[in-house]
Amino acid sequence: MLDDSSLGTIDDLRNFINGVTLITFRPLKREERATWIRGVLVRFKYLALKRQGKGVVRRYLMKVAGLSCAQATRHIGAYRKGQPVCRSYVRHRFPMKYTASDIELLEETDNLHQRLNGAAMIVIMQTEYERGDSRYETLQKISVAHLYRLRGTKRYRLRSTIHEKTKPVQIPIGERRKPEPQGIPGFLRVDSVHQGDCNGEKGVYHINAVDEITQWEVPVAVENLQEASVEPALDDVFVLFPFSIKNFHSDNGGEYINRVVHGFLNRWNTKQTKSRPRHSNDNGLAETKNGAIIRKHMTYYHIPQPFAARINRFYREHLIPYLNFHRPCAFPRIEVLANGKKKITYPKENVMTPYKKLKSLPHWERYLRREITPAMLEKQALEKTPNQAAKELQEAKRKLFTIILPRYRDV
């Protein structure tokens, strides 16, 4: 560590201490350092020195060996008593109660019973021991807490069955994209509206379907959004549109993204798309109609589920004809600027009813279903004036809510 044989007197130590500001040593073990310190104390006959000399030796040991004052005191005290400073130390260890074979036996039992909770496994191991299996003599006395500790050991985890979390089933139903109708009717935007809860009772649901090009709108009411209710409701929706449906677009709700609706759309030869993540405007048309039509006419009050059939009759007889033949809608004019941006305006000449918008399409008759003729649509449009249709709508709505509100109004 250090050849200090040239330092033979106390004055040599004092000169060394005063003249050297920093000194380093190669790494030493505690035993080697203690041996060197004892050698210095013996060489300079520490016990026979006067007080001043003892102080010089102490400072020398502290400077060279890097000791603190307390450490130097302990070394000198051990030298006085003739005792070693670095005694051999053996850490106390409790005897191992559960051996590797016990852990392997626990792992084997867990795999047989598919890893039950700790209390249940202890009962099983106690039963095995009572019936003559001596291997469980130690494990049958284990605590629940320590059983879980053994399950966390490396030996157990390397041998035990791996349990993974349940992976969600990815249902490849619908394509995530925005529909591109290219000016052709039959591309529906569909969304659901809930009529609220009251005293733990669910309200009626509305399924609102809007054509993207003509804004032809068909709402229906259902008691719930289960497959048994949604499929017949969608069948009514498709029949109430005068043209064939080519695309069905919705959000990612489970009421539409399921195998029942997927099979229904396949029977109608209709493609299914769903909204993309971080594209909130993919289904914006249906959501706009929810507020402008459903909430405006059906309000925000709670309506119990049994009234779905009565609401559907109101829809078929009054609201759907009024929306599509008498209520004007604003249709956008999209202009692509030189910089690539789109300029959207709503000119006055583009405000018309969905039926007039349908008639404005080139060769619009070819989009109609076989059982629908232009004469039938024209007759329905001319049966009433807009004011007559609106008055009948308001009267029918008043009668509907006269029945609903006195008994079920949520106040």
Protein backbone atom coordinates (compact mmCIF):
# COMPACT_ATOMS: atom_id res chain seq x y z
CA MET A 1 0.00 0.00 0.00
CA LEU A 2 2.62 2.52 1.04
CA ASP A 3 6.32 2.30 1.77
CA ASP A 4 6.69 4.59 4.78
CA SER A 5 9.78 2.91 6.23
CA SER A 6 11.71 6.19 5.86
CA LEU A 7 9.42 7.80 8.42
CA GLY A 8 11.10 6.73 11.63
CA THR A 9 10.38 9.50 14.12
CA ILE A 10 7.50 11.64 15.24
CA ASP A 11 9.12 14.67 13.62
CA ASP A 12 9.19 12.78 10.30
CA LEU A 13 5.45 12.15 10.66
CA ARG A 14 4.82 15.81 11.50
CA ASN A 15 6.79 16.99 8.46
CA PHE A 16 4.91 14.49 6.27
CA ILE A 17 1.55 15.68 7.55
CA ASN A 18 2.36 19.35 7.02
CA GLY A 19 3.98 18.89 3.62
CA VAL A 20 1.59 16.53 1.86
CA THR A 21 -1.91 17.78 1.00
CA LEU A 22 -3.24 14.81 -0.90
CA ILE A 23 -2.25 11.16 -1.16
CA THR A 24 -4.04 8.22 -2.73
CA PHE A 25 -3.83 4.49 -2.19
CA ARG A 26 -4.61 1.43 -4.20
CA PRO A 27 -7.87 -0.22 -3.13
CA LEU A 28 -7.39 -2.26 0.02
CA LYS A 29 -9.53 -4.69 1.90
CA ARG A 30 -10.54 -3.82 5.43
CA GLU A 31 -8.25 -6.52 6.81
CA GLU A 32 -5.19 -5.15 4.96
CA ARG A 33 -5.84 -1.62 6.15
CA ALA A 34 -6.28 -2.75 9.75
CA THR A 35 -2.97 -4.67 9.58
CA TRP A 36 -1.12 -1.60 8.31
CA ILE A 37 -2.61 0.63 11.04
CA ARG A 38 -1.59 -1.84 13.75
CA GLY A 39 1.93 -1.97 12.26
CA VAL A 40 2.26 1.84 12.48
CA LEU A 41 1.10 1.86 16.11
CA VAL A 42 3.62 -0.87 16.99
CA ARG A 43 6.51 0.76 15.09
CA PHE A 44 6.10 4.08 16.82
CA LYS A 45 5.31 2.53 20.22
CA TYR A 46 2.09 4.46 20.47
CA LEU A 47 1.34 3.55 24.05
CA ALA A 48 4.72 4.91 25.24
CA LEU A 49 4.39 8.25 23.42
CA LYS A 50 3.47 11.49 25.10
CA ARG A 51 0.20 13.21 24.37
CA GLN A 52 1.61 15.41 21.62
CA GLY A 53 3.19 12.46 19.84
CA LYS A 54 0.01 10.42 20.08
CA GLY A 55 -1.85 13.26 18.40
CA VAL A 56 0.66 13.30 15.53
CA VAL A 57 0.31 9.54 14.99
CA ARG A 58 -3.47 9.81 15.09
CA ARG A 59 -3.49 12.59 12.47
CA TYR A 60 -1.09 10.58 10.31
CA LEU A 61 -3.35 7.54 10.39
CA MET A 62 -6.39 9.64 9.58
CA LYS A 63 -4.66 11.38 6.65
CA VAL A 64 -2.98 8.37 5.10
CA ALA A 65 -5.63 5.70 5.72
CA GLY A 66 -8.57 8.02 5.18
CA LEU A 67 -10.07 7.38 8.60
CA SER A 68 -12.53 9.48 10.46
CA CYS A 69 -11.85 10.49 14.03
CA ALA A 70 -14.20 7.81 15.35
CA GLN A 71 -12.62 5.11 13.19
CA ALA A 72 -9.11 6.04 14.36
CA THR A 73 -10.31 5.89 17.98
CA ARG A 74 -11.71 2.38 17.44
CA HIS A 75 -8.45 1.14 15.89
CA ILE A 76 -6.35 2.59 18.72
CA GLY A 77 -8.72 1.22 21.36
CA ALA A 78 -8.50 -2.27 19.86
CA TYR A 79 -4.68 -1.98 19.84
CA ARG A 80 -4.73 -1.07 23.53
CA LYS A 81 -6.81 -4.14 24.39
CA GLY A 82 -4.92 -6.45 22.06
CA GLN A 83 -8.08 -7.22 20.05
CA PRO A 84 -8.50 -7.34 16.27
CA VAL A 85 -10.62 -4.59 14.70
CA CYS A 86 -11.91 -6.56 11.69
CA ARG A 87 -13.51 -9.59 13.17
CA SER A 88 -14.94 -12.23 10.88
CA TYR A 89 -18.66 -11.50 10.51
CA VAL A 90 -21.26 -14.09 9.64
CA ARG A 91 -24.73 -12.70 8.96
CA HIS A 92 -27.46 -14.47 10.83
CA ARG A 93 -29.73 -16.46 8.57
CA PHE A 94 -32.88 -18.23 9.52
CA PRO A 95 -32.98 -21.87 8.48
CA MET A 96 -34.77 -22.45 5.16
CA LYS A 97 -38.14 -24.03 5.89
CA TYR A 98 -39.48 -24.37 2.35
CA THR A 99 -36.96 -26.04 0.09
CA ALA A 100 -36.70 -26.10 -3.68
CA SER A 101 -38.63 -29.37 -3.76
CA ASP A 102 -41.48 -27.72 -1.82
CA ILE A 103 -41.63 -24.87 -4.34
CA GLU A 104 -41.71 -27.35 -7.23
CA LEU A 105 -44.47 -29.31 -5.50
CA LEU A 106 -46.48 -26.10 -5.05
CA GLU A 107 -46.01 -25.28 -8.72
CA GLU A 108 -47.18 -28.76 -9.73
CA THR A 109 -50.29 -28.50 -7.56
CA ASP A 110 -51.09 -25.00 -8.84
CA ASN A 111 -50.91 -26.18 -12.44
CA LEU A 112 -53.24 -29.09 -11.71
CA HIS A 113 -55.88 -26.81 -10.21
CA GLN A 114 -55.22 -23.85 -12.56
CA ARG A 115 -53.81 -21.61 -9.84
CA LEU A 116 -56.61 -21.16 -7.32
CA ASN A 117 -56.43 -18.55 -4.58
CA GLY A 118 -54.03 -19.16 -1.71
CA ALA A 119 -56.60 -20.25 0.88
CA ALA A 120 -58.10 -22.84 -1.48
CA MET A 121 -54.67 -24.25 -2.33
CA ILE A 122 -53.82 -24.66 1.37
CA VAL A 123 -57.02 -26.65 1.91
CA ILE A 124 -56.12 -28.89 -1.05
CA MET A 125 -52.59 -29.50 0.26
CA GLN A 126 -53.90 -30.26 3.76
CA THR A 127 -56.33 -32.79 2.26
CA GLU A 128 -53.51 -34.42 0.29
CA TYR A 129 -51.39 -34.73 3.42
CA GLU A 130 -54.26 -36.16 5.47
CA ARG A 131 -54.80 -38.80 2.79
CA GLY A 132 -51.25 -40.04 2.96
CA ASP A 133 -49.10 -37.85 0.68
CA SER A 134 -46.16 -37.04 2.97
CA ARG A 135 -44.66 -34.61 0.46
CA TYR A 136 -47.12 -31.97 1.68
CA GLU A 137 -45.98 -32.20 5.31
CA THR A 138 -44.34 -28.77 5.20
CA LEU A 139 -46.61 -27.04 2.68
CA GLN A 140 -49.83 -27.96 4.47
CA LYS A 141 -48.83 -25.58 7.30
CA ILE A 142 -47.92 -22.63 5.07
CA SER A 143 -49.65 -19.27 5.48
CA VAL A 144 -51.53 -17.60 2.64
CA ALA A 145 -49.08 -14.67 2.57
CA HIS A 146 -46.02 -16.89 2.32
CA LEU A 147 -47.66 -19.04 -0.36
CA TYR A 148 -47.88 -15.95 -2.55
CA ARG A 149 -44.22 -15.18 -1.75
CA LEU A 150 -43.23 -18.61 -3.01
CA ARG A 151 -45.26 -18.01 -6.15
CA GLY A 152 -43.14 -14.95 -6.79
CA THR A 153 -39.80 -16.79 -6.60
CA LYS A 154 -37.73 -17.37 -9.70
CA ARG A 155 -37.86 -21.16 -9.39
CA TYR A 156 -41.66 -21.13 -9.28
CA ARG A 157 -42.06 -18.72 -12.21
CA LEU A 158 -39.69 -20.70 -14.42
CA ARG A 159 -41.71 -23.88 -13.97
CA SER A 160 -45.29 -22.70 -13.57
CA THR A 161 -47.90 -22.34 -16.26
CA ILE A 162 -47.93 -18.87 -17.84
CA HIS A 163 -51.25 -17.06 -17.41
CA GLU A 164 -51.85 -14.16 -19.79
CA LYS A 165 -54.55 -11.55 -19.71
CA THR A 166 -57.56 -12.12 -21.90
CA LYS A 167 -56.89 -10.63 -25.30
CA PRO A 168 -59.73 -8.62 -26.83
CA VAL A 169 -61.32 -10.16 -29.89
CA GLN A 170 -60.70 -8.05 -32.94
CA ILE A 171 -63.86 -8.20 -35.07
CA PRO A 172 -63.04 -7.27 -38.66
CA ILE A 173 -66.43 -5.65 -39.27
CA GLY A 174 -66.58 -2.45 -41.26
CA GLU A 175 -63.81 -0.48 -42.87
CA ARG A 176 -62.35 2.58 -41.18
CA ARG A 177 -62.72 5.25 -43.82
CA LYS A 178 -64.85 8.16 -44.85
CA PRO A 179 -67.44 7.21 -47.52
CA GLU A 180 -67.04 8.75 -50.94
CA PRO A 181 -70.54 8.89 -52.51
CA GLN A 182 -69.40 10.78 -55.65
CA GLY A 183 -72.78 12.53 -55.91
CA ILE A 184 -74.80 9.27 -55.73
CA PRO A 185 -77.58 8.85 -53.13
CA GLY A 186 -77.67 5.81 -50.90
CA PHE A 187 -74.72 6.55 -48.59
CA LEU A 188 -76.22 6.64 -45.10
CA ARG A 189 -74.82 8.26 -41.97
CA VAL A 190 -76.31 6.58 -38.90
CA ASP A 191 -76.18 7.52 -35.21
CA SER A 192 -78.08 6.73 -32.00
CA VAL A 193 -79.76 9.12 -29.58
CA HIS A 194 -80.77 8.12 -26.06
CA GLN A 195 -83.81 9.69 -24.46
CA GLY A 196 -82.27 9.65 -20.98
CA ASP A 197 -82.68 7.74 -17.71
CA CYS A 198 -85.11 8.34 -14.86
CA ASN A 199 -85.05 6.61 -11.47
CA GLY A 200 -82.83 3.86 -12.83
CA GLU A 201 -85.11 3.25 -15.82
CA LYS A 202 -83.69 3.46 -19.34
CA GLY A 203 -85.41 5.62 -21.90
CA VAL A 204 -86.23 4.99 -25.50
CA TYR A 205 -83.48 5.07 -28.17
CA HIS A 206 -83.66 6.78 -31.56
CA ILE A 207 -81.78 5.50 -34.61
CA ASN A 208 -81.29 8.41 -36.99
CA ALA A 209 -80.26 7.66 -40.58
CA VAL A 210 -79.41 10.47 -43.03
CA ASP A 211 -78.38 10.22 -46.65
CA GLU A 212 -75.20 12.20 -47.29
CA ILE A 213 -76.10 13.58 -50.73
CA THR A 214 -79.82 14.34 -50.47
CA GLN A 215 -80.10 14.62 -46.64
CA TRP A 216 -83.09 12.30 -46.84
CA GLU A 217 -83.70 11.42 -43.21
CA VAL A 218 -85.43 8.44 -41.60
CA PRO A 219 -85.53 8.23 -37.78
CA VAL A 220 -86.91 5.22 -35.92
CA ALA A 221 -87.41 4.49 -32.20
CA VAL A 222 -86.39 1.29 -30.44
CA GLU A 223 -86.75 0.14 -26.85
CA ASN A 224 -83.06 -0.81 -26.57
CA LEU A 225 -79.96 -1.23 -28.71
CA GLN A 226 -79.74 -5.01 -28.56
CA GLU A 227 -79.41 -6.94 -31.80
CA ALA A 228 -82.98 -8.22 -31.55
CA SER A 229 -84.29 -4.63 -31.65
CA VAL A 230 -81.74 -2.99 -33.95
CA GLU A 231 -82.04 -5.42 -36.87
CA PRO A 232 -85.81 -5.01 -37.48
CA ALA A 233 -85.45 -1.26 -36.96
CA LEU A 234 -82.78 -1.07 -39.64
CA ASP A 235 -85.01 -3.12 -41.93
CA ASP A 236 -87.71 -0.45 -41.52
CA VAL A 237 -85.15 2.29 -42.18
CA PHE A 238 -83.99 0.73 -45.45
CA VAL A 239 -87.57 0.28 -46.66
CA LEU A 240 -88.48 3.92 -45.92
CA PHE A 241 -85.71 5.25 -48.19
CA PRO A 242 -86.91 5.60 -51.79
CA PHE A 243 -83.50 4.65 -53.23
CA SER A 244 -81.31 1.61 -52.67
CA ILE A 245 -78.71 1.81 -49.90
CA LYS A 246 -75.13 1.34 -51.02
CA ASN A 247 -73.15 2.25 -47.91
CA PHE A 248 -73.87 2.20 -44.16
CA HIS A 249 -71.59 4.44 -42.07
CA SER A 250 -71.66 4.68 -38.26
CA ASP A 251 -69.40 5.29 -35.33
CA ASN A 252 -67.73 2.40 -33.52
CA GLY A 253 -70.66 1.65 -31.20
CA GLY A 254 -71.40 -1.98 -30.49
CA GLU A 255 -75.04 -1.59 -31.59
CA TYR A 256 -73.82 -1.39 -35.22
CA ILE A 257 -70.45 -3.13 -35.18
CA ASN A 258 -71.61 -6.70 -34.59
CA ARG A 259 -72.23 -9.83 -36.61
CA VAL A 260 -76.02 -9.45 -36.66
CA VAL A 261 -75.92 -6.02 -38.33
CA HIS A 262 -73.06 -7.18 -40.55
CA GLY A 263 -75.15 -10.10 -41.78
CA PHE A 264 -78.16 -7.82 -42.30
CA LEU A 265 -76.10 -5.45 -44.47
CA ASN A 266 -74.73 -8.35 -46.49
CA ARG A 267 -78.29 -9.45 -47.28
CA TRP A 268 -79.04 -5.93 -48.54
CA ASN A 269 -75.77 -5.90 -50.49
CA THR A 270 -74.64 -2.83 -48.58
CA LYS A 271 -71.06 -1.97 -47.64
CA GLN A 272 -70.28 -1.02 -44.05
CA THR A 273 -67.80 1.66 -42.95
CA LYS A 274 -67.04 3.16 -39.56
CA SER A 275 -65.52 6.40 -38.32
CA ARG A 276 -61.77 6.79 -38.13
CA PRO A 277 -59.97 7.72 -34.90
CA ARG A 278 -59.19 11.43 -34.50
CA HIS A 279 -61.63 12.30 -37.32
CA SER A 280 -64.60 13.68 -35.39
CA ASN A 281 -66.32 14.96 -38.55
CA ASP A 282 -66.61 11.54 -40.21
CA ASN A 283 -70.15 11.18 -38.87
CA GLY A 284 -70.83 14.89 -38.44
CA LEU A 285 -73.95 14.98 -40.62
CA ALA A 286 -75.84 12.46 -38.47
CA GLU A 287 -74.75 14.15 -35.25
CA THR A 288 -75.93 17.52 -36.57
CA LYS A 289 -79.33 16.07 -37.45
CA ASN A 290 -79.56 14.58 -33.95
CA GLY A 291 -79.66 18.05 -32.46
CA ALA A 292 -81.61 19.81 -35.20
CA ILE A 293 -84.32 17.15 -35.59
CA ILE A 294 -84.46 14.52 -32.84
CA ARG A 295 -83.75 16.76 -29.86
CA LYS A 296 -85.81 19.62 -31.27
CA HIS A 297 -88.95 17.53 -31.77
CA MET A 298 -88.56 14.84 -29.07
CA THR A 299 -86.98 17.15 -26.43
CA TYR A 300 -84.53 16.07 -23.73
CA TYR A 301 -87.18 14.62 -21.41
CA HIS A 302 -87.07 11.00 -20.37
CA ILE A 303 -89.44 8.85 -22.43
CA PRO A 304 -89.89 5.25 -21.22
CA GLN A 305 -89.10 2.40 -23.57
CA PRO A 306 -92.66 1.11 -24.06
CA PHE A 307 -93.52 4.29 -26.00
CA ALA A 308 -91.17 3.32 -28.86
CA ALA A 309 -94.01 1.88 -30.97
CA ARG A 310 -96.18 5.02 -30.55
CA ILE A 311 -93.21 7.25 -31.45
CA ASN A 312 -92.57 5.18 -34.59
CA ARG A 313 -96.14 5.73 -35.72
CA PHE A 314 -95.65 9.47 -35.23
CA TYR A 315 -92.43 9.27 -37.24
CA ARG A 316 -93.97 7.36 -40.13
CA GLU A 317 -97.17 9.37 -40.45
CA HIS A 318 -95.90 12.89 -39.81
CA LEU A 319 -92.22 13.54 -39.11
CA ILE A 320 -90.58 11.59 -41.96
CA PRO A 321 -92.87 13.01 -44.71
CA TYR A 322 -92.43 16.51 -43.28
CA LEU A 323 -88.62 16.25 -43.16
CA ASN A 324 -88.16 14.92 -46.68
CA PHE A 325 -90.91 16.70 -48.66
CA HIS A 326 -91.51 20.01 -46.85
CA ARG A 327 -88.55 21.00 -44.64
CA PRO A 328 -85.77 22.74 -46.63
CA CYS A 329 -82.14 21.89 -45.95
CA ALA A 330 -78.99 23.84 -46.81
CA PHE A 331 -76.64 22.03 -49.18
CA PRO A 332 -73.01 23.14 -49.38
CA ARG A 333 -71.17 24.38 -52.44
CA ILE A 334 -67.52 23.28 -52.27
CA GLU A 335 -64.96 25.26 -54.23
CA VAL A 336 -61.31 24.23 -54.37
CA LEU A 337 -59.04 27.28 -54.23
CA ALA A 338 -55.67 27.67 -55.95
CA ASN A 339 -53.79 26.87 -52.75
CA GLY A 340 -55.64 23.56 -52.40
CA LYS A 341 -57.97 24.64 -49.61
CA LYS A 342 -61.71 24.05 -49.86
CA LYS A 343 -64.11 26.98 -49.64
CA ILE A 344 -67.58 25.91 -48.45
CA THR A 345 -70.55 28.20 -48.91
CA TYR A 346 -74.31 27.76 -48.66
CA PRO A 347 -75.91 29.81 -51.47
CA LYS A 348 -79.62 30.56 -51.44
CA GLU A 349 -80.30 28.46 -54.51
CA ASN A 350 -78.92 25.40 -52.68
CA VAL A 351 -81.59 25.55 -49.98
CA MET A 352 -84.21 22.95 -50.90
CA THR A 353 -86.05 19.92 -49.56
CA PRO A 354 -84.39 16.48 -49.76
CA TYR A 355 -86.95 15.45 -52.38
CA LYS A 356 -86.05 18.40 -54.63
CA LYS A 357 -82.36 17.66 -54.09
CA LEU A 358 -82.99 14.10 -55.22
CA LYS A 359 -84.79 15.32 -58.35
CA SER A 360 -81.91 17.69 -59.14
CA LEU A 361 -79.48 14.80 -59.58
CA PRO A 362 -78.80 13.70 -63.18
CA HIS A 363 -80.93 10.66 -64.13
CA TRP A 364 -82.29 10.48 -60.61
CA GLU A 365 -84.97 7.94 -61.52
CA ARG A 366 -82.40 5.16 -61.92
CA TYR A 367 -81.46 5.39 -58.24
CA LEU A 368 -85.00 4.55 -57.05
CA ARG A 369 -85.93 1.11 -55.81
CA ARG A 370 -88.04 -1.04 -58.10
CA GLU A 371 -91.26 -0.59 -56.15
CA ILE A 372 -90.85 3.22 -56.00
CA THR A 373 -91.82 5.37 -58.98
CA PRO A 374 -91.32 9.11 -59.55
CA ALA A 375 -95.11 9.54 -59.72
CA MET A 376 -95.51 8.11 -56.22
CA LEU A 377 -92.99 10.55 -54.77
CA GLU A 378 -94.47 13.51 -56.65
CA LYS A 379 -97.96 12.66 -55.41
CA GLN A 380 -96.74 12.50 -51.81
CA ALA A 381 -94.95 15.84 -52.16
CA LEU A 382 -98.05 17.62 -53.56
CA GLU A 383 -100.58 16.20 -51.10
CA LYS A 384 -99.94 18.98 -48.58
CA THR A 385 -98.39 22.38 -48.47
CA PRO A 386 -95.47 22.96 -46.08
CA ASN A 387 -97.73 24.81 -43.63
CA GLN A 388 -100.38 22.09 -43.68
CA ALA A 389 -97.74 19.42 -43.04
CA ALA A 390 -96.24 21.48 -40.22
CA LYS A 391 -99.63 22.06 -38.56
CA GLU A 392 -100.47 18.37 -38.67
CA LEU A 393 -97.01 17.58 -37.31
CA GLN A 394 -97.42 19.94 -34.36
CA GLU A 395 -100.90 18.63 -33.58
CA ALA A 396 -99.71 15.00 -33.70
CA LYS A 397 -96.75 15.85 -31.52
CA ARG A 398 -99.01 17.61 -29.00
CA LYS A 399 -101.20 14.51 -28.75
CA LEU A 400 -98.16 12.28 -28.36
CA PHE A 401 -96.70 14.27 -25.48
CA THR A 402 -100.12 14.66 -23.90
CA ILE A 403 -99.98 10.93 -23.36
CA ILE A 404 -96.33 10.76 -22.33
CA LEU A 405 -95.59 13.81 -20.17
CA PRO A 406 -98.24 13.67 -17.43
CA ARG A 407 -97.06 10.24 -16.28
CA TYR A 408 -93.39 10.15 -17.17
CA ARG A 409 -92.07 13.70 -17.26
CA ASP A 410 -88.66 13.95 -15.61
CA VAL A 411 -88.86 17.12 -13.47
